[in-house]
Amino acid sequence: MLNLPVRASHLALLLSSDEKLQERQHLITLCERFGVAPPEKKKWITLVPPLILFKYVGNNTASFSTYSFYVHDTPKDPFADSALKKVPVDWMSQLTGQVIVAAHATNCLRY
């Protein structure tokens, strides 16, 4: 469940068979970095390191994977920094595949 306020970044990547094999190790690397168990070879995982909730959807037979990153905070300008900026830059730079969707959103209702 997501609580407000929240910023989200979503990526969908088109992957070749070889890239799909590399992706698993790349996910394990991220999990190890945050001290959480790596995903099973099924559908998704959720990590809850400080500031980030991360969801991955993919499997060994799909030709694409999706990644969603959520940050719960209240920045002065919610569109100045995307949730994606909280993801380790070195890890992001090594993602395999071709980006087919990239979206950023925010919900920071103030009363």
C-alpha atoms as a PDB file:
ATOM      1  CA  MET A   1       0.000   0.000   0.000  1.00  0.00           C
ATOM      2  CA  LEU A   2       1.237   3.479  -0.843  1.00  0.00           C
ATOM      3  CA  ASN A   3       0.788   6.376   1.526  1.00  0.00           C
ATOM      4  CA  LEU A   4       0.654  10.002   0.426  1.00  0.00           C
ATOM      5  CA  PRO A   5       2.650  11.946  -0.454  1.00  0.00           C
ATOM      6  CA  VAL A   6       4.443   9.757  -2.975  1.00  0.00           C
ATOM      7  CA  ARG A   7       6.534  10.179  -6.103  1.00  0.00           C
ATOM      8  CA  ALA A   8       6.788   7.320  -8.607  1.00  0.00           C
ATOM      9  CA  SER A   9       8.989   6.430 -11.558  1.00  0.00           C
ATOM     10  CA  HIS A  10       8.121   3.534 -13.841  1.00  0.00           C
ATOM     11  CA  LEU A  11      10.270   1.864 -16.507  1.00  0.00           C
ATOM     12  CA  ALA A  12       9.434  -0.880 -18.981  1.00  0.00           C
ATOM     13  CA  LEU A  13      12.358  -2.525 -20.773  1.00  0.00           C
ATOM     14  CA  LEU A  14      12.331  -4.719 -23.861  1.00  0.00           C
ATOM     15  CA  LEU A  15      14.862  -7.534 -23.358  1.00  0.00           C
ATOM     16  CA  SER A  16      16.575 -10.081 -25.579  1.00  0.00           C
ATOM     17  CA  SER A  17      17.087 -13.635 -24.269  1.00  0.00           C
ATOM     18  CA  ASP A  18      20.698 -12.859 -23.322  1.00  0.00           C
ATOM     19  CA  GLU A  19      19.696  -9.618 -21.587  1.00  0.00           C
ATOM     20  CA  LYS A  20      17.031 -11.496 -19.632  1.00  0.00           C
ATOM     21  CA  LEU A  21      19.713 -13.816 -18.261  1.00  0.00           C
ATOM     22  CA  GLN A  22      21.871 -10.825 -17.208  1.00  0.00           C
ATOM     23  CA  GLU A  23      18.893  -9.143 -15.562  1.00  0.00           C
ATOM     24  CA  ARG A  24      18.614 -11.750 -12.795  1.00  0.00           C
ATOM     25  CA  GLN A  25      22.189 -11.161 -11.645  1.00  0.00           C
ATOM     26  CA  HIS A  26      21.639  -7.424 -11.812  1.00  0.00           C
ATOM     27  CA  LEU A  27      18.604  -7.723  -9.505  1.00  0.00           C
ATOM     28  CA  ILE A  28      20.626  -9.848  -7.082  1.00  0.00           C
ATOM     29  CA  THR A  29      23.252  -7.098  -6.984  1.00  0.00           C
ATOM     30  CA  LEU A  30      20.626  -4.503  -6.007  1.00  0.00           C
ATOM     31  CA  CYS A  31      19.185  -6.771  -3.312  1.00  0.00           C
ATOM     32  CA  GLU A  32      22.623  -7.415  -1.846  1.00  0.00           C
ATOM     33  CA  ARG A  33      23.321  -3.694  -1.763  1.00  0.00           C
ATOM     34  CA  PHE A  34      20.253  -3.103   0.437  1.00  0.00           C
ATOM     35  CA  GLY A  35      20.665  -6.277   2.494  1.00  0.00           C
ATOM     36  CA  VAL A  36      17.463  -7.986   1.375  1.00  0.00           C
ATOM     37  CA  ALA A  37      16.843 -11.450  -0.034  1.00  0.00           C
ATOM     38  CA  PRO A  38      16.991 -11.677  -3.839  1.00  0.00           C
ATOM     39  CA  PRO A  39      13.818 -12.469  -5.760  1.00  0.00           C
ATOM     40  CA  GLU A  40      12.782 -15.976  -6.555  1.00  0.00           C
ATOM     41  CA  LYS A  41      12.638 -16.750 -10.260  1.00  0.00           C
ATOM     42  CA  LYS A  42       8.990 -15.763 -10.301  1.00  0.00           C
ATOM     43  CA  LYS A  43       7.208 -12.478 -10.800  1.00  0.00           C
ATOM     44  CA  TRP A  44       8.142  -9.660  -8.462  1.00  0.00           C
ATOM     45  CA  ILE A  45       9.963  -8.409  -5.417  1.00  0.00           C
ATOM     46  CA  THR A  46       9.560  -5.501  -3.075  1.00  0.00           C
ATOM     47  CA  LEU A  47      12.462  -3.824  -1.312  1.00  0.00           C
ATOM     48  CA  VAL A  48      12.038  -1.336   1.467  1.00  0.00           C
ATOM     49  CA  PRO A  49      15.390   0.360   1.996  1.00  0.00           C
ATOM     50  CA  PRO A  50      15.356   3.879   3.381  1.00  0.00           C
ATOM     51  CA  LEU A  51      13.245   6.168   1.191  1.00  0.00           C
ATOM     52  CA  ILE A  52      12.478   3.674  -1.591  1.00  0.00           C
ATOM     53  CA  LEU A  53       9.894   1.019  -2.278  1.00  0.00           C
ATOM     54  CA  PHE A  54      10.799  -0.923  -5.399  1.00  0.00           C
ATOM     55  CA  LYS A  55       8.676  -3.331  -7.408  1.00  0.00           C
ATOM     56  CA  TYR A  56       9.936  -5.520 -10.237  1.00  0.00           C
ATOM     57  CA  VAL A  57       7.706  -7.511 -12.567  1.00  0.00           C
ATOM     58  CA  GLY A  58       9.185  -9.958 -15.014  1.00  0.00           C
ATOM     59  CA  ASN A  59       9.882 -13.611 -15.566  1.00  0.00           C
ATOM     60  CA  ASN A  60      12.104 -15.854 -17.625  1.00  0.00           C
ATOM     61  CA  THR A  61       9.703 -16.119 -20.557  1.00  0.00           C
ATOM     62  CA  ALA A  62       8.565 -12.504 -20.968  1.00  0.00           C
ATOM     63  CA  SER A  63      10.339 -10.280 -23.490  1.00  0.00           C
ATOM     64  CA  PHE A  64      10.031  -7.256 -21.195  1.00  0.00           C
ATOM     65  CA  SER A  65      10.333  -6.303 -17.549  1.00  0.00           C
ATOM     66  CA  THR A  66       8.954  -3.405 -15.572  1.00  0.00           C
ATOM     67  CA  TYR A  67      10.435  -1.549 -12.650  1.00  0.00           C
ATOM     68  CA  SER A  68       8.521   0.834 -10.399  1.00  0.00           C
ATOM     69  CA  PHE A  69      10.223   3.004  -7.796  1.00  0.00           C
ATOM     70  CA  TYR A  70       8.310   4.896  -5.104  1.00  0.00           C
ATOM     71  CA  VAL A  71       9.568   7.553  -2.698  1.00  0.00           C
ATOM     72  CA  HIS A  72       7.494   8.736   0.252  1.00  0.00           C
ATOM     73  CA  ASP A  73       8.391  12.315   1.037  1.00  0.00           C
ATOM     74  CA  THR A  74       7.280  15.878   0.596  1.00  0.00           C
ATOM     75  CA  PRO A  75       9.761  17.865  -1.473  1.00  0.00           C
ATOM     76  CA  LYS A  76       9.190  21.591  -1.988  1.00  0.00           C
ATOM     77  CA  ASP A  77       8.874  21.000  -5.733  1.00  0.00           C
ATOM     78  CA  PRO A  78       7.604  17.432  -6.299  1.00  0.00           C
ATOM     79  CA  PHE A  79       8.473  17.501 -10.007  1.00  0.00           C
ATOM     80  CA  ALA A  80      12.057  18.694  -9.509  1.00  0.00           C
ATOM     81  CA  ASP A  81      13.310  15.246  -8.480  1.00  0.00           C
ATOM     82  CA  SER A  82      11.862  11.995  -9.743  1.00  0.00           C
ATOM     83  CA  ALA A  83      11.791   8.842  -7.623  1.00  0.00           C
ATOM     84  CA  LEU A  84      14.299   7.410 -10.084  1.00  0.00           C
ATOM     85  CA  LYS A  85      16.937   9.784  -8.726  1.00  0.00           C
ATOM     86  CA  LYS A  86      16.901   7.808  -5.451  1.00  0.00           C
ATOM     87  CA  VAL A  87      18.005   4.621  -7.232  1.00  0.00           C
ATOM     88  CA  PRO A  88      21.774   4.036  -7.216  1.00  0.00           C
ATOM     89  CA  VAL A  89      23.187   5.622 -10.377  1.00  0.00           C
ATOM     90  CA  ASP A  90      25.761   2.895 -10.950  1.00  0.00           C
ATOM     91  CA  TRP A  91      23.061   0.219 -10.772  1.00  0.00           C
ATOM     92  CA  MET A  92      20.741   2.106 -13.140  1.00  0.00           C
ATOM     93  CA  SER A  93      23.538   2.635 -15.679  1.00  0.00           C
ATOM     94  CA  GLN A  94      23.953  -1.125 -16.010  1.00  0.00           C
ATOM     95  CA  LEU A  95      20.313  -2.013 -16.702  1.00  0.00           C
ATOM     96  CA  THR A  96      20.039  -4.127 -19.824  1.00  0.00           C
ATOM     97  CA  GLY A  97      17.413  -3.813 -22.529  1.00  0.00           C
ATOM     98  CA  GLN A  98      15.739  -1.043 -24.439  1.00  0.00           C
ATOM     99  CA  VAL A  99      13.516   1.405 -22.572  1.00  0.00           C
ATOM    100  CA  ILE A 100      10.034   1.318 -24.120  1.00  0.00           C
ATOM    101  CA  VAL A 101       8.210   3.260 -21.365  1.00  0.00           C
ATOM    102  CA  ALA A 102       9.491   5.785 -18.845  1.00  0.00           C
ATOM    103  CA  ALA A 103       7.065   7.749 -16.688  1.00  0.00           C
ATOM    104  CA  HIS A 104       7.228   9.894 -13.573  1.00  0.00           C
ATOM    105  CA  ALA A 105       4.277  10.858 -11.399  1.00  0.00           C
ATOM    106  CA  THR A 106       3.578  12.516  -8.102  1.00  0.00           C
ATOM    107  CA  ASN A 107       0.663  12.727  -5.727  1.00  0.00           C
ATOM    108  CA  CYS A 108       1.281  15.312  -3.070  1.00  0.00           C
ATOM    109  CA  LEU A 109      -2.105  16.694  -2.177  1.00  0.00           C
ATOM    110  CA  ARG A 110      -1.876  19.480   0.335  1.00  0.00           C
ATOM    111  CA  TYR A 111      -4.870  20.651   2.335  1.00  0.00           C
END
